[in-house]
Amino acid sequence: MIKIRSIMTKDVVTISQNSSIMEAAKLMESKSVSSLVVVDKSKPIAIISENDIIKGVVSRKGRVKDVMSKDFTVISPLTKFSEISKTVREEKIKRFPVVENEKLIGLITETDIIETTRDFTRFHQIVQEVILAIFGLATAFFLFYFSPIGASIFR
């Protein structure tokens, strides 16, 4: 089973709800991230994305709290990968703050899920190729063993 702790981003970029939208935009740009987790004493209270920043600039809102999205799903490090993957597909949620003991410890994004799925698929393909190679060698051996030439060599 894939452990959330092993695929989550541990160094989550956070911001206060009282910060300005321009501070949020500069922080996103400097850290090369597309969203920030809004925290209050290490507890996630919202998420602000690039789209939220744009809406804030267009509507001339000044603070993160004016545009942040409080509609987000918090997960535990014990949450199953399959549950998160299903939620991304069905509910179109792209970011999941990972919380343990009411403290933010990580973030799972849609990108993390895609990369993990891709890695799992690659591993699965390698295992299939190894099984096919073993089956092919075994088949070749038995065909040779029971052939007239094999019979003369092994008997």
C-alpha atoms as a PDB file:
ATOM      1  CA  MET A   1       0.000   0.000   0.000  1.00  0.00           C
ATOM      2  CA  ILE A   2       1.276   3.473  -0.880  1.00  0.00           C
ATOM      3  CA  LYS A   3       1.886   5.603   2.194  1.00  0.00           C
ATOM      4  CA  ILE A   4       0.729   9.217   2.020  1.00  0.00           C
ATOM      5  CA  ARG A   5       3.723  10.254   4.090  1.00  0.00           C
ATOM      6  CA  SER A   6       6.062   8.998   1.359  1.00  0.00           C
ATOM      7  CA  ILE A   7       4.464  10.972  -1.486  1.00  0.00           C
ATOM      8  CA  MET A   8       3.373  14.191   0.219  1.00  0.00           C
ATOM      9  CA  THR A   9       5.217  17.483  -0.048  1.00  0.00           C
ATOM     10  CA  LYS A  10       6.683  18.018   3.413  1.00  0.00           C
ATOM     11  CA  ASP A  11       7.812  21.621   3.055  1.00  0.00           C
ATOM     12  CA  VAL A  12       4.414  23.212   2.581  1.00  0.00           C
ATOM     13  CA  VAL A  13       4.409  26.901   1.714  1.00  0.00           C
ATOM     14  CA  THR A  14       1.962  28.641   4.029  1.00  0.00           C
ATOM     15  CA  ILE A  15       0.588  32.118   4.547  1.00  0.00           C
ATOM     16  CA  SER A  16      -1.555  33.992   7.065  1.00  0.00           C
ATOM     17  CA  GLN A  17      -5.102  35.022   6.218  1.00  0.00           C
ATOM     18  CA  ASN A  18      -4.205  38.627   7.087  1.00  0.00           C
ATOM     19  CA  SER A  19      -1.441  38.795   4.456  1.00  0.00           C
ATOM     20  CA  SER A  20      -2.020  40.862   1.344  1.00  0.00           C
ATOM     21  CA  ILE A  21      -2.832  39.282  -1.987  1.00  0.00           C
ATOM     22  CA  MET A  22       0.373  40.775  -3.396  1.00  0.00           C
ATOM     23  CA  GLU A  23       2.406  39.067  -0.632  1.00  0.00           C
ATOM     24  CA  ALA A  24       0.707  35.775  -1.550  1.00  0.00           C
ATOM     25  CA  ALA A  25       1.463  36.284  -5.256  1.00  0.00           C
ATOM     26  CA  LYS A  26       5.115  37.098  -4.554  1.00  0.00           C
ATOM     27  CA  LEU A  27       5.452  34.080  -2.268  1.00  0.00           C
ATOM     28  CA  MET A  28       3.940  31.767  -4.895  1.00  0.00           C
ATOM     29  CA  GLU A  29       6.287  33.156  -7.524  1.00  0.00           C
ATOM     30  CA  SER A  30       9.401  32.914  -5.339  1.00  0.00           C
ATOM     31  CA  LYS A  31       8.639  29.340  -4.228  1.00  0.00           C
ATOM     32  CA  SER A  32       7.362  28.222  -7.672  1.00  0.00           C
ATOM     33  CA  VAL A  33       4.062  26.894  -6.323  1.00  0.00           C
ATOM     34  CA  SER A  34       0.514  27.276  -7.601  1.00  0.00           C
ATOM     35  CA  SER A  35      -1.180  27.464  -4.213  1.00  0.00           C
ATOM     36  CA  LEU A  36      -0.577  28.268  -0.570  1.00  0.00           C
ATOM     37  CA  VAL A  37      -2.109  26.746   2.520  1.00  0.00           C
ATOM     38  CA  VAL A  38      -3.593  29.426   4.745  1.00  0.00           C
ATOM     39  CA  VAL A  39      -2.816  28.570   8.360  1.00  0.00           C
ATOM     40  CA  ASP A  40      -3.754  29.781  11.802  1.00  0.00           C
ATOM     41  CA  LYS A  41      -1.266  28.498  14.404  1.00  0.00           C
ATOM     42  CA  SER A  42      -0.097  25.596  12.173  1.00  0.00           C
ATOM     43  CA  LYS A  43      -3.686  24.529  11.484  1.00  0.00           C
ATOM     44  CA  PRO A  44      -4.903  24.786   7.866  1.00  0.00           C
ATOM     45  CA  ILE A  45      -7.979  26.979   7.542  1.00  0.00           C
ATOM     46  CA  ALA A  46      -8.089  27.539   3.772  1.00  0.00           C
ATOM     47  CA  ILE A  47      -6.214  27.327   0.488  1.00  0.00           C
ATOM     48  CA  ILE A  48      -5.407  30.171  -1.869  1.00  0.00           C
ATOM     49  CA  SER A  49      -4.646  29.337  -5.496  1.00  0.00           C
ATOM     50  CA  GLU A  50      -3.400  31.291  -8.489  1.00  0.00           C
ATOM     51  CA  ASN A  51      -7.020  31.657  -9.626  1.00  0.00           C
ATOM     52  CA  ASP A  52      -7.959  33.135  -6.240  1.00  0.00           C
ATOM     53  CA  ILE A  53      -5.127  35.654  -6.599  1.00  0.00           C
ATOM     54  CA  ILE A  54      -6.396  36.677 -10.036  1.00  0.00           C
ATOM     55  CA  LYS A  55      -9.954  37.061  -8.717  1.00  0.00           C
ATOM     56  CA  GLY A  56      -8.644  39.192  -5.862  1.00  0.00           C
ATOM     57  CA  VAL A  57      -6.684  41.481  -8.168  1.00  0.00           C
ATOM     58  CA  VAL A  58      -9.602  41.859 -10.596  1.00  0.00           C
ATOM     59  CA  SER A  59     -12.116  42.562  -7.815  1.00  0.00           C
ATOM     60  CA  ARG A  60      -9.587  44.774  -5.995  1.00  0.00           C
ATOM     61  CA  LYS A  61      -9.691  42.748  -2.812  1.00  0.00           C
ATOM     62  CA  GLY A  62      -6.712  43.346  -0.569  1.00  0.00           C
ATOM     63  CA  ARG A  63      -6.271  40.423   1.791  1.00  0.00           C
ATOM     64  CA  VAL A  64      -5.875  36.662   1.505  1.00  0.00           C
ATOM     65  CA  LYS A  65      -8.934  36.190   3.744  1.00  0.00           C
ATOM     66  CA  ASP A  66     -11.078  37.978   1.131  1.00  0.00           C
ATOM     67  CA  VAL A  67     -10.385  35.429  -1.627  1.00  0.00           C
ATOM     68  CA  MET A  68      -9.188  32.215   0.060  1.00  0.00           C
ATOM     69  CA  SER A  69     -11.150  29.008  -0.426  1.00  0.00           C
ATOM     70  CA  LYS A  70     -12.426  27.433   2.770  1.00  0.00           C
ATOM     71  CA  ASP A  71     -13.821  24.519   0.796  1.00  0.00           C
ATOM     72  CA  PHE A  72     -11.021  21.952   1.005  1.00  0.00           C
ATOM     73  CA  THR A  73     -10.507  18.432   2.282  1.00  0.00           C
ATOM     74  CA  VAL A  74      -8.000  17.657   5.016  1.00  0.00           C
ATOM     75  CA  ILE A  75      -6.536  14.160   5.088  1.00  0.00           C
ATOM     76  CA  SER A  76      -4.588  12.093   7.568  1.00  0.00           C
ATOM     77  CA  PRO A  77      -1.226  10.487   6.769  1.00  0.00           C
ATOM     78  CA  LEU A  78      -3.111   7.190   7.215  1.00  0.00           C
ATOM     79  CA  THR A  79      -5.573   7.940   4.390  1.00  0.00           C
ATOM     80  CA  LYS A  80      -5.418   5.351   1.611  1.00  0.00           C
ATOM     81  CA  PHE A  81      -4.007   6.456  -1.724  1.00  0.00           C
ATOM     82  CA  SER A  82      -6.996   4.932  -3.523  1.00  0.00           C
ATOM     83  CA  GLU A  83      -9.367   7.186  -1.540  1.00  0.00           C
ATOM     84  CA  ILE A  84      -7.472  10.311  -2.534  1.00  0.00           C
ATOM     85  CA  SER A  85      -7.226   9.235  -6.168  1.00  0.00           C
ATOM     86  CA  LYS A  86     -10.987   8.622  -6.248  1.00  0.00           C
ATOM     87  CA  THR A  87     -11.708  12.024  -4.676  1.00  0.00           C
ATOM     88  CA  VAL A  88      -9.546  13.770  -7.284  1.00  0.00           C
ATOM     89  CA  ARG A  89     -11.468  12.064 -10.098  1.00  0.00           C
ATOM     90  CA  GLU A  90     -14.979  12.425  -8.689  1.00  0.00           C
ATOM     91  CA  GLU A  91     -14.908  15.701  -6.774  1.00  0.00           C
ATOM     92  CA  LYS A  92     -12.222  17.534  -8.772  1.00  0.00           C
ATOM     93  CA  ILE A  93     -10.279  18.451  -5.619  1.00  0.00           C
ATOM     94  CA  LYS A  94      -6.651  19.211  -6.490  1.00  0.00           C
ATOM     95  CA  ARG A  95      -5.004  19.776  -3.103  1.00  0.00           C
ATOM     96  CA  PHE A  96      -5.177  17.941   0.210  1.00  0.00           C
ATOM     97  CA  PRO A  97      -3.492  19.355   3.318  1.00  0.00           C
ATOM     98  CA  VAL A  98      -2.159  16.453   5.411  1.00  0.00           C
ATOM     99  CA  VAL A  99      -2.859  16.982   9.101  1.00  0.00           C
ATOM    100  CA  GLU A 100      -1.650  15.015  12.097  1.00  0.00           C
ATOM    101  CA  ASN A 101      -2.531  16.013  15.672  1.00  0.00           C
ATOM    102  CA  GLU A 102      -4.266  19.122  14.281  1.00  0.00           C
ATOM    103  CA  LYS A 103      -0.982  20.314  12.748  1.00  0.00           C
ATOM    104  CA  LEU A 104      -0.150  20.682   9.058  1.00  0.00           C
ATOM    105  CA  ILE A 105       2.570  18.170   8.165  1.00  0.00           C
ATOM    106  CA  GLY A 106       2.304  18.006   4.384  1.00  0.00           C
ATOM    107  CA  LEU A 107       0.371  18.551   1.198  1.00  0.00           C
ATOM    108  CA  ILE A 108      -0.785  16.133  -1.482  1.00  0.00           C
ATOM    109  CA  THR A 109      -1.469  17.692  -4.868  1.00  0.00           C
ATOM    110  CA  GLU A 110      -2.960  16.388  -8.061  1.00  0.00           C
ATOM    111  CA  THR A 111       0.592  16.339  -9.469  1.00  0.00           C
ATOM    112  CA  ASP A 112       1.771  14.059  -6.619  1.00  0.00           C
ATOM    113  CA  ILE A 113      -1.090  11.677  -7.395  1.00  0.00           C
ATOM    114  CA  ILE A 114      -0.333  11.641 -11.123  1.00  0.00           C
ATOM    115  CA  GLU A 115       3.399  11.031 -10.539  1.00  0.00           C
ATOM    116  CA  THR A 116       2.712   8.235  -8.055  1.00  0.00           C
ATOM    117  CA  THR A 117       0.250   6.590 -10.424  1.00  0.00           C
ATOM    118  CA  ARG A 118       2.784   6.866 -13.271  1.00  0.00           C
ATOM    119  CA  ASP A 119       5.526   5.318 -11.099  1.00  0.00           C
ATOM    120  CA  PHE A 120       3.215   2.491 -10.031  1.00  0.00           C
ATOM    121  CA  THR A 121       2.269   1.856 -13.662  1.00  0.00           C
ATOM    122  CA  ARG A 122       5.957   1.702 -14.670  1.00  0.00           C
ATOM    123  CA  PHE A 123       6.668  -0.793 -11.869  1.00  0.00           C
ATOM    124  CA  HIS A 124       3.677  -2.887 -12.948  1.00  0.00           C
ATOM    125  CA  GLN A 125       4.932  -2.929 -16.553  1.00  0.00           C
ATOM    126  CA  ILE A 126       8.413  -4.054 -15.452  1.00  0.00           C
ATOM    127  CA  VAL A 127       6.927  -6.887 -13.378  1.00  0.00           C
ATOM    128  CA  GLN A 128       4.810  -7.987 -16.357  1.00  0.00           C
ATOM    129  CA  GLU A 129       7.861  -7.988 -18.651  1.00  0.00           C
ATOM    130  CA  VAL A 130       9.862 -10.089 -16.166  1.00  0.00           C
ATOM    131  CA  ILE A 131       7.015 -12.600 -15.851  1.00  0.00           C
ATOM    132  CA  LEU A 132       6.690 -12.822 -19.637  1.00  0.00           C
ATOM    133  CA  ALA A 133      10.444 -13.331 -20.019  1.00  0.00           C
ATOM    134  CA  ILE A 134      10.452 -16.150 -17.440  1.00  0.00           C
ATOM    135  CA  PHE A 135       7.413 -17.753 -19.064  1.00  0.00           C
ATOM    136  CA  GLY A 136       9.066 -17.444 -22.494  1.00  0.00           C
ATOM    137  CA  LEU A 137      12.286 -19.086 -21.268  1.00  0.00           C
ATOM    138  CA  ALA A 138      10.374 -21.895 -19.566  1.00  0.00           C
ATOM    139  CA  THR A 139       8.314 -22.479 -22.702  1.00  0.00           C
ATOM    140  CA  ALA A 140      11.428 -22.525 -24.889  1.00  0.00           C
ATOM    141  CA  PHE A 141      13.143 -24.979 -22.532  1.00  0.00           C
ATOM    142  CA  PHE A 142      10.196 -27.398 -22.507  1.00  0.00           C
ATOM    143  CA  LEU A 143       9.752 -27.186 -26.278  1.00  0.00           C
ATOM    144  CA  PHE A 144      13.449 -27.967 -26.716  1.00  0.00           C
ATOM    145  CA  TYR A 145      13.436 -30.685 -24.001  1.00  0.00           C
ATOM    146  CA  PHE A 146      10.546 -32.567 -25.620  1.00  0.00           C
ATOM    147  CA  SER A 147      11.754 -32.078 -29.200  1.00  0.00           C
ATOM    148  CA  PRO A 148      13.610 -34.882 -31.011  1.00  0.00           C
ATOM    149  CA  ILE A 149      16.932 -33.036 -30.585  1.00  0.00           C
ATOM    150  CA  GLY A 150      16.280 -32.432 -26.883  1.00  0.00           C
ATOM    151  CA  ALA A 151      15.254 -36.039 -26.380  1.00  0.00           C
ATOM    152  CA  SER A 152      18.540 -37.245 -27.876  1.00  0.00           C
ATOM    153  CA  ILE A 153      20.553 -34.875 -25.666  1.00  0.00           C
ATOM    154  CA  PHE A 154      18.743 -35.387 -22.343  1.00  0.00           C
ATOM    155  CA  ARG A 155      18.072 -39.127 -22.576  1.00  0.00           C
END
